[in-house]
Amino acid sequence: QLPFPVALDVKGDLALAFGDVKLTPTSFIVGKKGQILEQKIGELDFVKLRKLLDQELS
């Protein structure tokens, strides 16, 4: 269980909106103001992700 919301793009609409994502898993970390903080293809580094989220939410 993750301590933050996760969205799945079942129909692929978001993949097209974010530049036609071809590989999975692809993760987009979106900031409070809607900006893309990071795009990651493959496995996430959860320690790095936690630091990024803590910085954004502080």
N, C-alpha and C. Protein backbone atom coordinates (compact mmCIF):
# COMPACT_ATOMS: atom_id res chain seq x y z
N GLN A 1 0.84 -1.18 0.00
CA GLN A 1 0.00 0.00 0.00
C GLN A 1 0.89 1.24 0.00
N LEU A 2 0.54 2.18 -0.86
CA LEU A 2 1.31 3.42 -0.99
C LEU A 2 0.60 4.55 -0.24
N PRO A 3 1.37 5.46 0.36
CA PRO A 3 0.77 6.55 1.13
C PRO A 3 0.41 7.76 0.28
N PHE A 4 0.15 7.55 -1.01
CA PHE A 4 -0.23 8.62 -1.91
C PHE A 4 -1.09 8.04 -3.02
N PRO A 5 -1.91 8.87 -3.69
CA PRO A 5 -2.79 8.36 -4.73
C PRO A 5 -2.02 7.92 -5.97
N VAL A 6 -2.53 6.89 -6.61
CA VAL A 6 -1.96 6.38 -7.86
C VAL A 6 -3.09 6.31 -8.88
N ALA A 7 -2.84 6.76 -10.10
CA ALA A 7 -3.84 6.71 -11.16
C ALA A 7 -3.38 5.73 -12.23
N LEU A 8 -4.29 4.89 -12.69
CA LEU A 8 -4.00 3.97 -13.78
C LEU A 8 -4.70 4.47 -15.03
N ASP A 9 -3.99 4.42 -16.14
CA ASP A 9 -4.51 4.89 -17.43
C ASP A 9 -5.02 3.70 -18.24
N VAL A 10 -6.18 3.21 -17.86
CA VAL A 10 -6.71 1.98 -18.44
C VAL A 10 -6.92 2.09 -19.95
N LYS A 11 -7.48 3.20 -20.43
CA LYS A 11 -7.77 3.36 -21.86
C LYS A 11 -6.61 3.94 -22.66
N GLY A 12 -5.59 4.47 -22.00
CA GLY A 12 -4.45 5.04 -22.71
C GLY A 12 -4.60 6.51 -23.06
N ASP A 13 -5.65 7.15 -22.59
CA ASP A 13 -5.87 8.57 -22.90
C ASP A 13 -4.76 9.46 -22.34
N LEU A 14 -4.33 9.19 -21.12
CA LEU A 14 -3.27 9.99 -20.52
C LEU A 14 -1.94 9.76 -21.21
N ALA A 15 -1.70 8.54 -21.65
CA ALA A 15 -0.45 8.25 -22.38
C ALA A 15 -0.35 9.14 -23.61
N LEU A 16 -1.44 9.32 -24.31
CA LEU A 16 -1.45 10.20 -25.48
C LEU A 16 -1.24 11.66 -25.07
N ALA A 17 -1.88 12.07 -23.99
CA ALA A 17 -1.76 13.46 -23.53
C ALA A 17 -0.34 13.80 -23.07
N PHE A 18 0.38 12.80 -22.57
CA PHE A 18 1.74 13.01 -22.09
C PHE A 18 2.79 12.66 -23.13
N GLY A 19 2.41 12.62 -24.39
CA GLY A 19 3.40 12.41 -25.44
C GLY A 19 3.45 10.99 -25.98
N ASP A 20 2.33 10.30 -25.98
CA ASP A 20 2.23 8.96 -26.53
C ASP A 20 3.23 8.00 -25.88
N VAL A 21 3.07 7.77 -24.62
CA VAL A 21 3.94 6.89 -23.85
C VAL A 21 3.87 5.48 -24.43
N LYS A 22 5.03 4.90 -24.72
CA LYS A 22 5.09 3.58 -25.35
C LYS A 22 5.50 2.46 -24.40
N LEU A 23 6.20 2.80 -23.33
CA LEU A 23 6.73 1.78 -22.43
C LEU A 23 6.02 1.81 -21.09
N THR A 24 5.84 0.64 -20.51
CA THR A 24 5.27 0.58 -19.17
C THR A 24 6.20 -0.23 -18.29
N PRO A 25 6.32 0.08 -17.05
CA PRO A 25 5.64 1.21 -16.42
C PRO A 25 6.34 2.54 -16.70
N THR A 26 5.56 3.55 -16.95
CA THR A 26 6.05 4.93 -17.05
C THR A 26 5.29 5.73 -15.99
N SER A 27 6.03 6.43 -15.17
CA SER A 27 5.43 7.21 -14.08
C SER A 27 5.69 8.69 -14.29
N PHE A 28 4.68 9.49 -14.02
CA PHE A 28 4.80 10.94 -14.03
C PHE A 28 4.48 11.41 -12.62
N ILE A 29 5.40 12.14 -12.04
CA ILE A 29 5.16 12.73 -10.73
C ILE A 29 4.74 14.16 -10.98
N VAL A 30 3.51 14.49 -10.58
CA VAL A 30 2.92 15.79 -10.86
C VAL A 30 2.87 16.61 -9.58
N GLY A 31 3.34 17.84 -9.66
CA GLY A 31 3.39 18.73 -8.51
C GLY A 31 2.05 19.35 -8.17
N LYS A 32 2.05 20.10 -7.07
CA LYS A 32 0.83 20.75 -6.57
C LYS A 32 0.18 21.67 -7.60
N LYS A 33 1.01 22.29 -8.43
CA LYS A 33 0.50 23.25 -9.40
C LYS A 33 0.29 22.63 -10.78
N GLY A 34 0.37 21.30 -10.86
CA GLY A 34 0.12 20.61 -12.12
C GLY A 34 1.35 20.43 -12.99
N GLN A 35 2.51 20.85 -12.52
CA GLN A 35 3.73 20.71 -13.32
C GLN A 35 4.30 19.30 -13.16
N ILE A 36 4.95 18.79 -14.21
CA ILE A 36 5.59 17.48 -14.13
C ILE A 36 6.92 17.66 -13.42
N LEU A 37 7.05 17.03 -12.26
CA LEU A 37 8.29 17.11 -11.49
C LEU A 37 9.31 16.11 -12.00
N GLU A 38 8.82 14.96 -12.42
CA GLU A 38 9.71 13.91 -12.89
C GLU A 38 8.95 12.91 -13.74
N GLN A 39 9.62 12.39 -14.76
CA GLN A 39 9.10 11.30 -15.57
C GLN A 39 10.08 10.14 -15.45
N LYS A 40 9.57 8.97 -15.17
CA LYS A 40 10.44 7.81 -14.96
C LYS A 40 9.90 6.61 -15.71
N ILE A 41 10.74 6.01 -16.53
CA ILE A 41 10.39 4.76 -17.20
C ILE A 41 11.03 3.64 -16.40
N GLY A 42 10.24 2.66 -16.04
CA GLY A 42 10.76 1.53 -15.28
C GLY A 42 10.44 1.66 -13.80
N GLU A 43 11.19 0.91 -13.03
CA GLU A 43 10.95 0.83 -11.59
C GLU A 43 11.29 2.14 -10.89
N LEU A 44 10.44 2.53 -9.97
CA LEU A 44 10.67 3.75 -9.19
C LEU A 44 11.60 3.49 -8.02
N ASP A 45 12.40 4.49 -7.70
CA ASP A 45 13.22 4.49 -6.48
C ASP A 45 12.36 5.18 -5.42
N PHE A 46 11.78 4.40 -4.51
CA PHE A 46 10.82 4.95 -3.58
C PHE A 46 11.44 5.88 -2.55
N VAL A 47 12.72 5.71 -2.23
CA VAL A 47 13.40 6.64 -1.32
C VAL A 47 13.51 8.01 -2.00
N LYS A 48 13.93 8.02 -3.27
CA LYS A 48 14.04 9.27 -4.03
C LYS A 48 12.65 9.89 -4.23
N LEU A 49 11.66 9.05 -4.53
CA LEU A 49 10.30 9.54 -4.72
C LEU A 49 9.79 10.20 -3.45
N ARG A 50 10.02 9.58 -2.31
CA ARG A 50 9.56 10.14 -1.04
C ARG A 50 10.19 11.51 -0.78
N LYS A 51 11.49 11.64 -1.06
CA LYS A 51 12.18 12.92 -0.88
C LYS A 51 11.58 13.99 -1.79
N LEU A 52 11.32 13.62 -3.04
CA LEU A 52 10.74 14.55 -4.00
C LEU A 52 9.36 15.01 -3.54
N LEU A 53 8.54 14.06 -3.10
CA LEU A 53 7.19 14.41 -2.63
C LEU A 53 7.23 15.24 -1.36
N ASP A 54 8.13 14.91 -0.45
CA ASP A 54 8.27 15.70 0.78
C ASP A 54 8.65 17.15 0.46
N GLN A 55 9.58 17.33 -0.49
CA GLN A 55 9.99 18.68 -0.89
C GLN A 55 8.82 19.44 -1.50
N GLU A 56 8.07 18.77 -2.37
CA GLU A 56 6.97 19.42 -3.06
C GLU A 56 5.84 19.79 -2.10
N LEU A 57 5.62 18.97 -1.12
CA LEU A 57 4.49 19.19 -0.21
C LEU A 57 4.82 20.00 1.03
N SER A 58 6.10 20.39 1.18
CA SER A 58 6.47 21.17 2.36
C SER A 58 6.20 22.65 2.17
